[in-house]
Protein backbone atom coordinates (compact mmCIF):
# COMPACT_ATOMS: atom_id res chain seq x y z
CA UNK A 1 104.45 122.65 121.97
CA UNK A 2 106.11 121.45 125.17
CA UNK A 3 102.96 122.31 127.14
CA UNK A 4 100.79 120.35 124.70
CA UNK A 5 103.04 117.27 124.86
CA UNK A 6 103.12 117.45 128.66
CA UNK A 7 99.33 117.56 128.80
CA UNK A 8 99.12 114.61 126.41
CA UNK A 9 101.49 112.62 128.64
CA UNK A 10 99.43 113.55 131.71
CA UNK A 11 96.24 112.40 129.99
CA UNK A 12 97.85 109.11 128.99
CA UNK A 13 99.11 108.48 132.52
CA UNK A 14 95.71 109.27 134.06
CA UNK A 15 93.90 106.97 131.63
CA UNK A 16 96.41 104.17 132.20
CA UNK A 17 95.75 104.24 135.94
CA UNK A 18 92.00 104.80 135.64
CA UNK A 19 91.03 101.79 133.52
CA UNK A 20 90.58 99.03 136.07
CA UNK A 21 87.76 96.70 137.00
CA UNK A 22 84.28 97.62 135.82
CA UNK A 23 85.44 100.82 134.16
CA UNK A 24 87.96 98.89 132.08
CA UNK A 25 85.26 96.41 131.02
CA UNK A 26 82.89 99.21 130.04
CA UNK A 27 85.61 101.00 128.09
CA UNK A 28 86.61 97.75 126.39
CA UNK A 29 83.01 97.04 125.33
CA UNK A 30 82.60 100.58 124.03
CA UNK A 31 85.90 100.37 122.15
CA UNK A 32 84.92 97.05 120.55
CA UNK A 33 81.59 98.45 119.36
CA UNK A 34 83.34 101.59 118.12
CA UNK A 35 85.87 99.56 116.16
CA UNK A 36 83.05 97.59 114.52
CA UNK A 37 81.31 100.84 113.56
CA UNK A 38 84.63 102.25 112.31
CA UNK A 39 85.26 99.14 110.23
CA UNK A 40 81.80 99.48 108.72
CA UNK A 41 82.55 103.11 107.89
CA UNK A 42 85.82 102.19 106.16
CA UNK A 43 83.93 99.53 104.20
CA UNK A 44 81.69 102.26 102.80
CA UNK A 45 84.76 103.66 101.03
CA UNK A 46 84.67 100.57 98.81
CA UNK A 47 80.92 100.81 98.24
CA UNK A 48 79.93 104.41 97.61
CA UNK A 49 81.43 107.87 98.28
CA UNK A 50 77.92 109.16 99.02
CA UNK A 51 77.44 106.57 101.75
CA UNK A 52 80.90 107.37 103.15
CA UNK A 53 80.00 111.08 103.33
CA UNK A 54 76.79 110.16 105.12
CA UNK A 55 78.74 107.93 107.50
CA UNK A 56 81.07 110.77 108.43
CA UNK A 57 78.04 113.01 109.01
CA UNK A 58 76.89 110.44 111.59
CA UNK A 59 80.32 110.52 113.25
CA UNK A 60 80.10 114.31 113.39
CA UNK A 61 76.69 114.14 115.06
CA UNK A 62 78.03 111.59 117.52
CA UNK A 63 80.91 113.84 118.52
CA UNK A 64 78.65 116.89 118.86
CA UNK A 65 75.66 115.35 120.61
CA UNK A 66 77.14 112.40 122.49
CA UNK A 67 79.11 114.39 125.10
CA UNK A 68 76.17 116.78 125.64
CA UNK A 69 73.71 113.96 126.32
CA UNK A 70 76.20 111.94 128.37
CA UNK A 71 77.04 114.65 130.89
CA UNK A 72 79.90 116.74 129.54
CA UNK A 73 82.23 114.43 127.66
CA UNK A 74 85.85 113.70 128.52
CA UNK A 75 86.93 115.87 131.46
CA UNK A 76 90.03 113.87 132.40
CA UNK A 77 92.05 117.08 132.16
CA UNK A 78 89.94 119.95 133.39
CA UNK A 79 91.09 123.46 132.40
CA UNK A 80 90.78 124.54 136.04
CA UNK A 81 93.76 122.30 136.84
CA UNK A 82 96.00 124.71 134.93
CA UNK A 83 94.50 128.02 135.99
CA UNK A 84 97.46 128.85 138.26
CA UNK A 85 100.02 128.46 135.47
CA UNK A 86 99.07 131.71 133.78
CA UNK A 87 98.89 130.14 130.32
CA UNK A 88 97.41 132.31 127.53
CA UNK A 89 93.91 131.02 126.60
CA UNK A 90 94.92 129.93 123.09
CA UNK A 91 97.96 128.08 124.40
CA UNK A 92 95.84 126.34 127.02
CA UNK A 93 93.24 125.43 124.40
CA UNK A 94 95.95 124.06 122.10
CA UNK A 95 97.40 121.92 124.88
CA UNK A 96 94.00 120.56 125.84
CA UNK A 97 93.24 119.87 122.15
CA UNK A 98 96.42 117.80 121.78
CA UNK A 99 95.53 115.96 124.99
CA UNK A 100 92.01 115.37 123.66
CA UNK A 101 93.53 113.26 120.86
CA UNK A 102 94.66 110.80 123.56
CA UNK A 103 91.92 108.32 124.33
CA UNK A 104 89.74 105.54 123.01
CA UNK A 105 87.19 107.71 121.18
CA UNK A 106 89.76 109.69 119.11
CA UNK A 107 91.61 106.50 118.22
CA UNK A 108 88.40 104.78 117.08
CA UNK A 109 87.38 107.88 115.10
CA UNK A 110 90.79 108.01 113.44
CA UNK A 111 90.27 104.38 112.44
CA UNK A 112 86.97 105.35 110.81
CA UNK A 113 88.75 108.17 108.98
CA UNK A 114 90.96 105.60 107.29
CA UNK A 115 88.13 105.60 104.76
CA UNK A 116 89.68 108.83 103.45
CA UNK A 117 92.97 107.03 102.89
CA UNK A 118 91.20 104.16 101.13
CA UNK A 119 89.35 106.63 98.88
CA UNK A 120 92.57 108.47 98.10
CA UNK A 121 94.47 105.27 97.32
CA UNK A 122 91.76 104.27 94.86
CA UNK A 123 92.02 107.65 93.10
CA UNK A 124 95.81 108.01 92.93
CA UNK A 125 99.03 108.60 94.84
CA UNK A 126 98.54 112.36 95.20
CA UNK A 127 95.03 111.87 96.55
CA UNK A 128 96.34 109.33 99.08
CA UNK A 129 98.94 111.84 100.28
CA UNK A 130 96.25 114.49 100.68
CA UNK A 131 94.22 112.03 102.75
CA UNK A 132 96.79 111.96 105.58
CA UNK A 133 96.53 115.64 106.65
CA UNK A 134 92.81 115.53 105.82
CA UNK A 135 92.34 112.75 108.38
CA UNK A 136 94.09 114.78 111.10
CA UNK A 137 92.19 117.98 110.28
CA UNK A 138 88.88 116.13 110.12
CA UNK A 139 89.49 114.55 113.53
CA UNK A 140 90.46 117.96 114.93
CA UNK A 141 87.15 119.36 113.66
CA UNK A 142 85.24 116.51 115.33
CA UNK A 143 87.00 117.05 118.66
CA UNK A 144 86.77 120.85 118.62
CA UNK A 145 83.09 120.89 117.69
CA UNK A 146 82.51 118.54 120.61
CA UNK A 147 84.50 120.74 123.00
CA UNK A 148 82.82 123.95 121.83
CA UNK A 149 79.37 122.36 122.07
CA UNK A 150 79.97 121.15 125.62
CA UNK A 151 81.40 124.54 126.63
CA UNK A 152 78.41 126.43 125.20
CA UNK A 153 75.93 124.15 126.95
CA UNK A 154 77.91 124.49 130.18
CA UNK A 155 77.68 128.26 130.04
CA UNK A 156 73.97 128.10 129.16
CA UNK A 157 73.23 125.89 132.17
CA UNK A 158 74.49 128.59 134.53
CA UNK A 159 71.18 130.42 134.18
CA UNK A 160 67.62 129.13 134.46
CA UNK A 161 66.65 130.55 131.07
CA UNK A 162 69.72 129.01 129.45
CA UNK A 163 68.92 125.64 130.99
CA UNK A 164 65.35 125.78 129.66
CA UNK A 165 66.48 126.77 126.16
CA UNK A 166 69.18 124.08 126.20
CA UNK A 167 66.62 121.45 127.23
CA UNK A 168 64.22 122.51 124.49
CA UNK A 169 66.95 122.40 121.85
CA UNK A 170 68.13 118.97 123.01
CA UNK A 171 64.57 117.66 122.86
CA UNK A 172 64.04 119.14 119.41
CA UNK A 173 67.26 117.56 118.13
CA UNK A 174 66.31 114.14 119.49
CA UNK A 175 62.83 114.41 118.01
CA UNK A 176 64.21 115.47 114.62
CA UNK A 177 66.71 112.61 114.54
CA UNK A 178 64.02 110.11 115.49
CA UNK A 179 61.64 111.31 112.78
CA UNK A 180 64.09 112.28 110.06
CA UNK A 181 62.46 109.83 107.65
CA UNK A 182 59.37 112.04 107.72
CA UNK A 183 61.37 114.93 106.28
CA UNK A 184 62.81 112.66 103.60
CA UNK A 185 59.31 111.54 102.64
CA UNK A 186 57.85 115.08 102.73
CA UNK A 187 60.53 116.46 100.40
CA UNK A 188 60.68 113.42 98.15
CA UNK A 189 64.29 112.72 99.10
CA UNK A 190 65.70 109.35 98.09
CA UNK A 191 69.24 108.20 98.63
CA UNK A 192 71.89 110.30 100.34
CA UNK A 193 71.20 114.06 100.36
CA UNK A 194 73.77 116.14 98.49
CA UNK A 195 73.98 118.44 101.52
CA UNK A 196 76.01 115.88 103.52
CA UNK A 197 78.97 116.56 101.24
CA UNK A 198 79.07 120.19 102.30
CA UNK A 199 78.85 119.62 106.03
CA UNK A 200 82.24 119.98 107.77
CA UNK A 201 82.28 116.19 108.07
CA UNK A 202 82.44 115.92 104.28
CA UNK A 203 85.23 118.39 103.64
CA UNK A 204 87.96 115.81 104.20
CA UNK A 205 86.38 113.58 101.57
CA UNK A 206 86.09 116.51 99.17
CA UNK A 207 89.78 117.30 99.75
CA UNK A 208 90.77 113.74 98.87
CA UNK A 209 88.68 113.93 95.69
CA UNK A 210 90.62 116.95 94.50
CA UNK A 211 88.56 119.91 95.70
CA UNK A 212 91.55 121.91 96.84
CA UNK A 213 89.52 124.50 98.75
CA UNK A 214 88.42 121.79 101.18
CA UNK A 215 91.70 121.27 103.09
CA UNK A 216 92.10 125.04 103.41
CA UNK A 217 88.53 125.27 104.70
CA UNK A 218 89.25 122.53 107.25
CA UNK A 219 92.39 124.32 108.46
CA UNK A 220 90.55 127.64 108.78
CA UNK A 221 87.68 125.97 110.63
CA UNK A 222 90.12 124.36 113.08
CA UNK A 223 91.70 127.75 113.81
CA UNK A 224 88.32 129.42 114.25
CA UNK A 225 87.04 126.69 116.56
CA UNK A 226 90.30 126.77 118.53
CA UNK A 227 89.91 130.52 119.05
CA UNK A 228 86.27 130.12 120.05
CA UNK A 229 87.12 127.35 122.51
CA UNK A 230 89.90 129.50 124.00
CA UNK A 231 87.39 132.31 124.55
CA UNK A 232 84.92 129.89 126.14
CA UNK A 233 87.64 128.52 128.42
CA UNK A 234 88.37 132.06 129.56
CA UNK A 235 84.70 132.57 130.36
CA UNK A 236 84.56 129.24 132.17
CA UNK A 237 87.53 129.93 134.44
CA UNK A 238 87.12 133.66 134.86
CA UNK A 239 83.43 134.49 135.07
CA UNK A 240 82.64 131.58 137.37
CA UNK A 241 84.94 132.73 140.17
CA UNK A 242 86.81 129.42 140.14
CA UNK A 243 89.28 128.98 143.02
CA UNK A 244 91.97 126.33 142.78
CA UNK A 245 94.01 124.96 145.66
CA UNK A 246 97.04 122.70 145.38
CA UNK A 247 97.56 120.49 148.44
CA UNK A 248 101.09 119.08 148.78
CA UNK A 249 101.16 116.54 151.62
CA UNK A 250 104.18 114.89 153.14
CA UNK A 251 104.08 111.40 154.69
CA UNK A 252 100.49 110.41 155.49
CA UNK A 253 99.43 107.24 157.31
CA UNK A 254 97.64 105.53 154.42
CA UNK A 255 97.84 102.16 152.69
CA UNK A 256 99.82 103.65 149.80
CA UNK A 257 103.06 101.91 150.81
CA UNK A 258 101.29 98.54 150.64
CA UNK A 259 100.72 99.06 146.89
CA UNK A 260 104.43 99.49 146.09
CA UNK A 261 105.46 96.40 144.12
CA UNK A 262 109.23 96.78 144.59
CA UNK A 263 110.09 95.07 147.94
CA UNK A 264 113.11 97.32 148.51
CA UNK A 265 111.15 100.51 147.90
CA UNK A 266 108.27 99.25 150.02
CA UNK A 267 110.57 98.48 152.95
CA UNK A 268 112.24 101.90 152.62
CA UNK A 269 108.87 103.68 152.64
CA UNK A 270 107.74 101.72 155.70
CA UNK A 271 110.99 102.48 157.54
CA UNK A 272 110.72 106.20 156.82
CA UNK A 273 107.09 106.25 157.97
CA UNK A 274 108.01 104.41 161.17
CA UNK A 275 110.74 106.95 161.97
CA UNK A 276 108.33 109.89 162.38
CA UNK A 277 104.92 110.92 163.58
CA UNK A 278 103.16 110.78 160.22
CA UNK A 279 100.18 112.86 159.25
CA UNK A 280 96.71 111.37 159.53
CA UNK A 281 94.12 111.58 156.72
CA UNK A 282 92.10 113.89 158.95
CA UNK A 283 94.98 116.40 158.92
CA UNK A 284 94.78 116.66 155.14
CA UNK A 285 90.98 116.87 155.26
CA UNK A 286 91.19 119.73 157.75
CA UNK A 287 93.55 121.62 155.45
CA UNK A 288 91.17 121.16 152.51
CA UNK A 289 88.22 122.30 154.64
CA UNK A 290 90.18 125.39 155.64
CA UNK A 291 90.85 126.26 151.98
CA UNK A 292 87.30 125.77 150.70
CA UNK A 293 85.58 127.54 153.59
CA UNK A 294 87.36 130.87 153.08
CA UNK A 295 85.30 133.90 152.01
CA UNK A 296 84.65 134.26 148.28
CA UNK A 297 87.30 136.97 147.88
CA UNK A 298 90.01 134.75 149.44
CA UNK A 299 91.81 132.12 147.33
CA UNK A 300 94.13 129.72 149.15
CA UNK A 301 96.11 128.52 146.14
CA UNK A 302 98.75 126.29 147.72
CA UNK A 303 99.11 124.32 150.96
CA UNK A 304 102.34 122.49 151.83
CA UNK A 305 101.63 120.26 154.82
CA UNK A 306 104.23 117.87 156.26
CA UNK A 307 104.92 116.05 159.52
CA UNK A 308 107.02 118.11 161.90
CA UNK A 309 109.56 115.27 162.01
CA UNK A 310 109.90 115.07 158.21
CA UNK A 311 113.17 116.69 157.13
CA UNK A 312 112.92 116.21 153.37
């Protein structure tokens, strides 16, 4: 669990430093639209359980298809970053899953899943209590299906045939979603199809309504998807011949000291830099070039590079 919490803290720190300028504005706009959609989904809990089940089916499709069509989804923490730690695949997958709950999209989705809590509260106290773990399990299913989908597509794109098949499937899915009304008309379907209740997106709602097999099914599905994702992570990092290098530089002549807000710390950093012949950015670049230009059977995993004058 310590590994998972550490990864979650790393993800939070990276996101906190990444959201600036245009990226922050884009994320804010996306979050605002997501919150509106989530609020509309929660409202469906007051209108009709059938519509709420259909709404969660849309959220499931969004999690599965969105990252695929948008270039791979959230890769803030890439599994390759941890390849040198020797973590077992399932432990690595668990840590990355916990970290995947950190972010705007999971938070917005969890807001939408408050519809389960509303439904449970309207049915009774026990149902409301069941809604809490159902929300977490349902979100885990959303995230894991997204991760597994992206991993499968990533493996498929490694070959020309896989890329062609993946493109055909993506096109077929888009065409089907765009013309789904034709299928409704052809089969005389009116209203919300009963099938949406039995998609994984509807199991949380079934659990809240008292179908006690549903929470067990959600838990089993989470474990199965976690195992599948762990296997796919192993393929991703092992079969691809991934080489990872950690570069640990000492004092480098950059503008980093100018961004220190504490005057005392800034002055101390400038004094230390002035007391030695600091490294130049080109020195670090040369070290990186050395590592990445080695033959395929050679992995330079760690480079500690410091000024000769630096004593600590």
